Protein backbone atom coordinates (compact mmCIF):
# COMPACT_ATOMS: atom_id res chain seq x y z
CA MET A 1 25.11 12.52 -8.23
CA ASN A 2 25.30 13.13 -4.69
CA LEU A 3 22.96 10.49 -3.50
CA PRO A 4 21.82 10.15 0.55
CA ARG A 5 23.58 7.05 2.58
CA TYR A 6 20.81 4.71 1.99
CA ILE A 7 20.76 4.65 -1.47
CA ARG A 8 22.80 1.96 -3.25
CA PRO A 9 25.70 3.62 -4.63
CA HIS A 10 25.46 2.07 -7.93
CA PHE A 11 22.57 4.12 -8.97
CA ALA A 12 24.51 7.20 -9.33
CA LYS A 13 26.01 5.65 -12.49
CA LEU A 14 22.69 3.95 -13.64
CA LYS A 15 21.66 5.25 -16.93
CA PRO A 16 17.66 4.39 -17.56
CA TYR A 17 15.99 2.65 -20.29
CA THR A 18 14.57 5.12 -22.80
CA THR A 19 11.34 3.94 -24.14
CA ALA A 20 10.16 5.32 -27.56
CA ARG A 21 7.38 7.49 -26.03
CA ASP A 22 10.30 9.04 -23.64
CA LEU A 23 11.64 10.33 -27.01
CA ALA A 24 8.52 11.24 -29.05
CA THR A 25 4.78 12.17 -27.94
CA GLU A 26 3.44 13.02 -31.36
CA GLY A 27 3.87 12.56 -35.07
CA LEU A 28 3.56 9.38 -37.58
CA PHE A 29 4.70 6.83 -34.98
CA LEU A 30 7.00 4.14 -36.83
CA ASP A 31 9.69 4.15 -33.94
CA ALA A 32 8.46 1.27 -31.43
CA ASN A 33 7.21 -1.73 -33.87
CA GLU A 34 3.74 -1.40 -32.95
CA ASN A 35 1.11 -2.81 -35.01
CA ALA A 36 -0.15 -0.01 -37.52
CA PHE A 37 -3.38 -1.61 -38.47
CA GLU A 38 -5.61 -2.26 -35.56
CA SER A 39 -5.97 -4.38 -32.32
CA VAL A 40 -8.13 -7.42 -32.66
CA LEU A 41 -9.93 -5.77 -29.63
CA PRO A 42 -12.12 -2.33 -29.40
CA SER A 43 -10.82 0.55 -27.84
CA VAL A 44 -11.09 0.64 -24.37
CA GLY A 45 -12.42 4.03 -22.57
CA GLY A 46 -11.04 5.78 -25.52
CA VAL A 47 -7.46 4.31 -25.52
CA ASP A 48 -5.98 3.23 -28.78
CA LEU A 49 -4.72 -0.46 -27.52
CA ARG A 50 -2.20 -0.51 -30.76
CA ARG A 51 0.06 1.87 -28.94
CA TYR A 52 2.13 1.67 -25.67
CA PRO A 53 1.07 4.18 -22.97
CA ASP A 54 2.60 6.76 -21.73
CA PRO A 55 5.34 5.81 -20.01
CA ASP A 56 4.86 8.43 -17.24
CA GLY A 57 1.24 8.05 -16.41
CA ARG A 58 1.26 11.85 -17.03
CA MET A 59 -2.34 12.96 -16.48
CA LEU A 60 -2.76 10.28 -13.71
CA ARG A 61 0.31 12.10 -12.16
CA ASP A 62 -1.30 15.46 -12.30
CA ALA A 63 -4.46 14.46 -10.84
CA LEU A 64 -3.08 12.48 -8.12
CA ALA A 65 -0.83 15.91 -7.87
CA ALA A 66 -3.80 18.08 -7.46
CA PHE A 67 -5.38 15.62 -5.20
CA LEU A 68 -2.95 15.45 -2.50
CA ASN A 69 -1.76 19.01 -2.91
CA LEU A 70 1.72 18.31 -3.83
CA PRO A 71 4.06 19.14 -6.81
CA LEU A 72 3.95 17.00 -9.47
CA GLU A 73 7.86 15.91 -8.53
CA ASN A 74 6.68 14.77 -5.39
CA VAL A 75 4.22 12.06 -6.79
CA LEU A 76 4.61 8.82 -9.11
CA ALA A 77 1.96 6.68 -9.91
CA THR A 78 2.80 3.01 -9.77
CA SER A 79 1.56 -0.52 -10.70
CA GLY A 80 -0.41 -0.88 -7.33
CA SER A 81 1.44 -0.38 -3.91
CA ASN A 82 3.15 -3.74 -4.46
CA GLU A 83 5.40 -2.31 -7.00
CA ALA A 84 6.39 1.08 -5.05
CA ILE A 85 7.52 -1.36 -2.25
CA ASP A 86 9.69 -3.65 -4.53
CA LEU A 87 11.44 -0.42 -6.32
CA LEU A 88 12.02 1.13 -2.46
CA ILE A 89 13.62 -1.87 -1.31
CA ARG A 90 15.68 -2.22 -5.02
CA LEU A 91 16.81 1.37 -4.36
CA THR A 92 18.24 0.80 -0.82
CA ALA A 93 18.69 -2.83 0.18
CA GLY A 94 20.78 -5.67 -1.49
CA PRO A 95 23.13 -8.26 0.11
CA GLY A 96 24.75 -6.97 3.04
CA ASP A 97 21.60 -4.27 4.08
CA THR A 98 18.95 -4.49 6.18
CA VAL A 99 15.46 -4.12 5.84
CA MET A 100 13.45 -3.21 9.60
CA VAL A 101 9.86 -4.07 9.90
CA VAL A 102 7.93 -3.65 13.00
CA GLU A 103 5.94 -6.47 13.64
CA PRO A 104 3.11 -8.20 12.91
CA THR A 105 2.72 -6.40 9.93
CA PHE A 106 1.88 -6.47 5.84
CA SER A 107 4.16 -9.51 5.15
CA LEU A 108 4.92 -8.69 1.42
CA TYR A 109 7.57 -6.12 3.12
CA ARG A 110 9.66 -9.18 4.57
CA THR A 111 9.29 -11.11 0.87
CA MET A 112 10.05 -8.45 -1.00
CA ALA A 113 13.32 -7.81 1.17
CA GLU A 114 14.40 -11.76 0.87
CA ILE A 115 13.87 -11.43 -3.05
CA ASN A 116 16.07 -8.75 -3.20
CA ALA A 117 18.40 -10.41 -0.85
CA ALA A 118 18.43 -8.30 2.11
CA ASP A 119 18.46 -8.70 5.50
CA VAL A 120 15.26 -8.52 7.86
CA MET A 121 15.38 -7.04 11.22
CA THR A 122 12.14 -7.49 12.85
CA ILE A 123 11.24 -5.34 16.04
CA ASP A 124 8.34 -7.07 17.83
CA ALA A 125 5.16 -4.33 18.38
CA GLY A 126 4.15 -5.70 21.63
CA PRO A 127 0.91 -7.55 22.82
CA GLN A 128 -0.64 -3.80 22.16
CA PHE A 129 0.96 -3.52 18.58
CA LEU A 130 2.38 0.20 19.35
CA VAL A 131 5.21 1.79 17.61
CA ASP A 132 7.98 3.07 20.09
CA ALA A 133 10.30 5.33 18.29
CA GLN A 134 12.87 5.04 20.73
CA LEU A 135 13.04 1.22 20.87
CA VAL A 136 13.21 1.34 16.61
CA LEU A 137 15.83 4.01 16.83
CA SER A 138 17.91 1.81 19.27
CA ARG A 139 17.88 -1.18 17.21
CA VAL A 140 19.32 0.82 14.09
CA THR A 141 22.98 -0.60 12.76
CA PRO A 142 24.86 0.87 10.10
CA ALA A 143 23.83 -1.54 7.85
CA CYS A 144 19.86 -0.42 8.17
CA LYS A 145 18.66 1.05 5.03
CA ILE A 146 15.26 1.41 5.32
CA LEU A 147 12.00 0.88 7.61
CA PHE A 148 8.58 -0.30 6.70
CA LEU A 149 5.59 1.35 8.91
CA CYS A 150 2.13 0.47 8.18
CA SER A 151 -0.52 2.90 9.37
CA PRO A 152 -3.11 2.20 9.81
CA ASN A 153 -1.51 -1.29 10.01
CA ASN A 154 -2.28 -4.31 8.47
CA PRO A 155 -3.29 -6.70 10.01
CA THR A 156 -3.87 -4.98 13.33
CA GLY A 157 -6.13 -1.98 12.11
CA ASN A 158 -4.13 0.60 14.60
CA SER A 159 -2.78 3.57 13.41
CA ILE A 160 1.00 5.12 14.73
CA PRO A 161 0.79 8.72 15.88
CA ARG A 162 2.42 11.25 13.36
CA ASP A 163 4.69 12.08 15.92
CA THR A 164 6.17 9.04 16.31
CA ILE A 165 7.05 8.70 12.75
CA LEU A 166 8.43 11.67 12.55
CA GLU A 167 10.69 11.33 15.58
CA ILE A 168 11.72 8.20 14.01
CA CYS A 169 12.36 10.19 10.70
CA ARG A 170 14.55 12.62 12.35
CA GLY A 171 16.50 10.13 14.10
CA PHE A 172 17.21 7.52 11.43
CA ASP A 173 19.52 8.08 8.66
CA GLY A 174 17.84 5.59 6.59
CA MET A 175 14.07 5.64 4.52
CA VAL A 176 11.15 5.70 6.33
CA VAL A 177 8.16 4.21 4.44
CA VAL A 178 5.08 4.47 5.76
CA ASP A 179 2.12 2.39 4.06
CA GLU A 180 -1.18 4.18 4.12
CA ALA A 181 -3.18 1.69 1.67
CA TYR A 182 -6.09 2.32 4.88
CA VAL A 183 -5.65 5.84 5.89
CA ASP A 184 -8.84 6.89 3.99
CA PHE A 185 -10.70 4.93 6.56
CA SER A 186 -9.02 6.71 9.75
CA GLU A 187 -9.41 9.98 11.10
CA LYS A 188 -5.94 10.30 11.45
CA GLU A 189 -3.92 12.85 9.11
CA SER A 190 -2.20 11.69 6.19
CA LEU A 191 1.89 12.65 6.19
CA CYS A 192 1.74 12.89 2.44
CA THR A 193 2.49 16.56 2.53
CA ASP A 194 5.47 15.76 5.04
CA VAL A 195 7.57 14.64 2.28
CA VAL A 196 7.95 18.37 1.21
CA SER A 197 9.82 18.91 4.63
CA GLN A 198 11.13 15.19 5.56
CA PRO A 199 13.51 14.29 2.42
CA ASN A 200 13.56 10.70 3.78
CA LEU A 201 10.33 10.22 3.92
CA VAL A 202 8.21 8.31 1.83
CA VAL A 203 4.63 7.40 1.46
CA LEU A 204 2.61 4.84 -0.04
CA ARG A 205 -0.95 5.17 -0.97
CA THR A 206 -3.43 3.03 -3.02
CA LEU A 207 -6.60 3.26 -5.40
CA ALA A 208 -7.46 -0.20 -4.32
CA LYS A 209 -9.18 0.32 -0.97
CA ALA A 210 -11.28 3.37 -0.42
CA TRP A 211 -11.66 4.36 -4.01
CA GLY A 212 -12.56 0.46 -4.98
CA LEU A 213 -10.45 0.02 -7.71
CA ALA A 214 -8.33 -2.99 -6.85
CA GLY A 215 -8.55 -4.31 -10.29
CA LEU A 216 -6.77 -1.45 -11.69
CA ARG A 217 -3.72 -2.12 -9.59
CA VAL A 218 -3.12 1.43 -9.51
CA GLY A 219 -1.13 2.59 -6.27
CA TYR A 220 0.90 6.18 -5.67
CA VAL A 221 4.26 7.14 -4.08
CA ALA A 222 4.52 10.58 -2.16
CA ALA A 223 8.49 11.38 -1.54
CA SER A 224 11.26 13.95 -2.01
CA PRO A 225 12.10 14.77 -6.17
CA VAL A 226 15.36 12.77 -5.69
CA VAL A 227 13.29 9.31 -4.70
CA ILE A 228 11.03 10.00 -7.36
CA ARG A 229 13.90 10.64 -10.08
CA LEU A 230 15.21 7.65 -8.85
CA LEU A 231 12.37 5.45 -8.84
CA GLN A 232 11.29 6.56 -12.57
CA SER A 233 15.18 5.24 -13.85
CA ILE A 234 14.83 1.95 -11.90
CA ARG A 235 11.27 0.74 -12.94
CA LYS A 236 10.36 -1.16 -15.90
CA PRO A 237 9.42 0.42 -19.24
CA TYR A 238 5.62 1.25 -19.20
CA PRO A 239 4.68 0.22 -15.92
CA LEU A 240 0.89 1.24 -16.31
CA SER A 241 -1.60 0.31 -18.89
CA SER A 242 -3.48 2.65 -20.67
CA PRO A 243 -6.70 1.75 -19.39
CA SER A 244 -5.32 1.82 -15.81
CA ILE A 245 -4.13 5.36 -16.50
CA VAL A 246 -7.22 6.37 -18.11
CA TYR A 247 -9.68 4.91 -15.20
CA ALA A 248 -7.67 5.93 -12.34
CA THR A 249 -7.55 9.27 -13.51
CA GLN A 250 -11.51 9.58 -13.82
CA GLY A 251 -11.46 7.88 -10.59
CA VAL A 252 -9.39 10.24 -8.65
CA ALA A 253 -12.12 12.83 -9.86
CA GLN A 254 -14.23 11.43 -8.26
CA ALA A 255 -12.98 12.37 -4.82
CA GLY A 256 -16.31 13.11 -3.25
CA LYS A 257 -17.69 9.53 -3.98
CA MET A 258 -14.96 8.03 -2.74
CA ARG A 259 -15.68 10.01 0.99
CA GLN A 260 -19.47 8.72 0.80
CA LEU A 261 -17.99 5.26 0.27
CA VAL A 262 -15.49 5.79 3.17
CA ALA A 263 -18.47 6.65 5.31
CA LYS A 264 -20.60 3.75 4.90
CA ILE A 265 -17.77 1.18 4.99
CA CYS A 266 -16.99 3.36 8.24
CA ASP A 267 -20.72 2.83 9.60
CA GLY A 268 -20.16 -1.23 8.75
CA ARG A 269 -17.05 -1.03 10.51
CA LYS A 270 -18.93 0.39 13.75
CA TRP A 271 -21.86 -2.01 13.13
CA LEU A 272 -19.84 -4.97 12.87
CA ASP A 273 -17.50 -4.33 15.77
CA ALA A 274 -20.86 -3.89 18.31
CA ALA A 275 -22.14 -7.00 16.83
CA LEU A 276 -19.29 -9.11 17.49
CA ARG A 277 -19.01 -7.44 20.93
CA ASP A 278 -22.91 -8.43 21.05
CA ILE A 279 -22.04 -12.25 20.85
CA GLY A 280 -18.98 -12.21 23.10
CA LEU A 281 -16.20 -11.37 20.83
CA ASN A 282 -13.74 -8.15 21.39
CA PRO A 283 -12.35 -7.49 18.17
CA MET A 284 -9.44 -4.81 18.09
CA PRO A 285 -9.61 -0.88 17.85
CA SER A 286 -9.51 -0.23 13.95
CA ASP A 287 -8.70 2.77 11.69
CA ALA A 288 -9.13 0.46 8.65
CA ASN A 289 -11.94 -1.23 6.78
CA PHE A 290 -11.10 -4.68 8.89
CA LEU A 291 -11.39 -5.71 12.13
CA LEU A 292 -8.74 -8.12 13.63
CA VAL A 293 -10.72 -10.60 16.33
CA PRO A 294 -9.40 -12.52 18.81
CA ILE A 295 -11.49 -15.83 18.94
CA PRO A 296 -10.67 -19.44 20.42
CA ASN A 297 -10.13 -21.69 17.96
CA ALA A 298 -9.96 -19.22 15.27
CA SER A 299 -8.44 -21.35 12.54
CA GLU A 300 -11.43 -23.93 12.84
CA LEU A 301 -13.76 -21.10 12.61
CA TYR A 302 -11.95 -20.13 9.45
CA ALA A 303 -12.31 -23.35 7.68
CA HIS A 304 -15.65 -24.22 9.00
CA LEU A 305 -17.16 -20.62 7.36
CA LYS A 306 -15.16 -21.47 4.18
CA THR A 307 -16.01 -24.78 3.95
CA MET A 308 -19.89 -25.00 4.76
CA SER A 309 -21.01 -21.29 4.28
CA GLY A 310 -18.69 -20.31 1.61
CA ILE A 311 -17.26 -17.10 3.92
CA VAL A 312 -14.12 -16.46 3.35
CA LEU A 313 -12.16 -15.16 6.19
CA ARG A 314 -8.13 -14.01 6.47
CA ASP A 315 -6.99 -16.57 9.29
CA ILE A 316 -3.84 -14.53 10.86
CA SER A 317 -3.04 -17.15 13.72
CA ALA A 318 0.21 -17.86 12.34
CA ARG A 319 1.43 -14.21 13.06
CA ILE A 320 -1.33 -13.42 15.90
CA PRO A 321 -2.27 -16.84 17.62
CA ASP A 322 -6.04 -16.96 17.58
CA THR A 323 -7.20 -14.47 15.12
CA LEU A 324 -9.16 -13.69 12.14
CA ARG A 325 -9.41 -10.29 9.78
CA ILE A 326 -12.73 -9.38 8.68
CA THR A 327 -12.80 -7.55 6.21
CA VAL A 328 -15.83 -4.91 6.55
CA GLY A 329 -18.81 -5.99 4.13
CA THR A 330 -22.09 -4.69 3.24
CA PRO A 331 -24.56 -4.63 6.01
CA GLU A 332 -26.38 -7.82 4.35
CA GLU A 333 -22.93 -9.59 4.12
CA ASN A 334 -22.32 -8.52 7.57
CA GLN A 335 -25.33 -9.43 9.08
CA ARG A 336 -24.81 -12.94 7.70
CA LEU A 337 -21.44 -13.38 8.81
CA VAL A 338 -22.49 -12.34 12.16
CA LEU A 339 -25.08 -15.05 12.40
CA GLU A 340 -22.88 -17.78 11.00
CA ILE A 341 -20.20 -16.99 13.55
CA LYS A 342 -22.86 -16.93 16.38
CA LYS A 343 -24.14 -20.49 15.64
CA TRP A 344 -20.83 -21.95 15.11
CA MET A 345 -20.02 -20.54 18.75
CA GLU A 346 -23.25 -21.92 20.15
CA ARG A 347 -22.43 -25.59 18.88
CA ILE A 348 -18.64 -25.53 20.46
């Protein structure tokens, strides 16, 4: 198999593990050493828990492909976006290779790179948290195999323009991964369909945020057929449980309800932004379901809210000085939060 430069060459000779359900999908199953009698638990969602799940999660892949308007060969369901991040780094970067990240961003990219013994190149997005395509491309070395971009970005909330991402794709002889975990909350267009024409582009999505299915741990990848096949070949057997496959498939069928929930969250984001400004704060503009809020003594406020009010935010101060990331809650939760912050500010 002729692989792109950014794929680790030993994968060309890899013989993937074959599961029992890869070999047979129907019949009297006496091949996988399962319990033939019964499970200690009742069925979940009509799923026979005695049996291993479909290793491909085919019905979920079909649902996701239809939702994205992409061919099945361009879509893969994963055990959350985290599995996809790990697999993509494993596929491209090991000792001596470099993973590129534009920071501040989701810290798991760096963690997974370090787990895989790859080097990490950090590119500073600057005070406005903007991604400069020419700056990114100027930093590329032959060791650079994969670049992670998060849009909308976590923890800043801003989106990267589509033209900027495609410029990087065209100028970088490596894999460009765009993490769109929060894109449903943005008016910006997803890049999922661009994977058909841009073979080094990979897009990550999740059911954890807008869909309200974080407990299922289901994400998905849109990529070229070559990348999808390689990911399938290096992942662990049976990566998604049967209940996760069934419930996620049912969830994807509720796209209309998802959009209604997104509208509520975006309304809440608008209200929370205005309410925080009314008490003297200046949240960063956000296309996500959270706000990054610069605030003096942010770590002290974080500790106060957690211990005195039972309100848990995310303290980002170690990466962006004196900032808190606030998830948009229900109207009642948002009101309670603003009231507690106002009380604290009046005391200091």
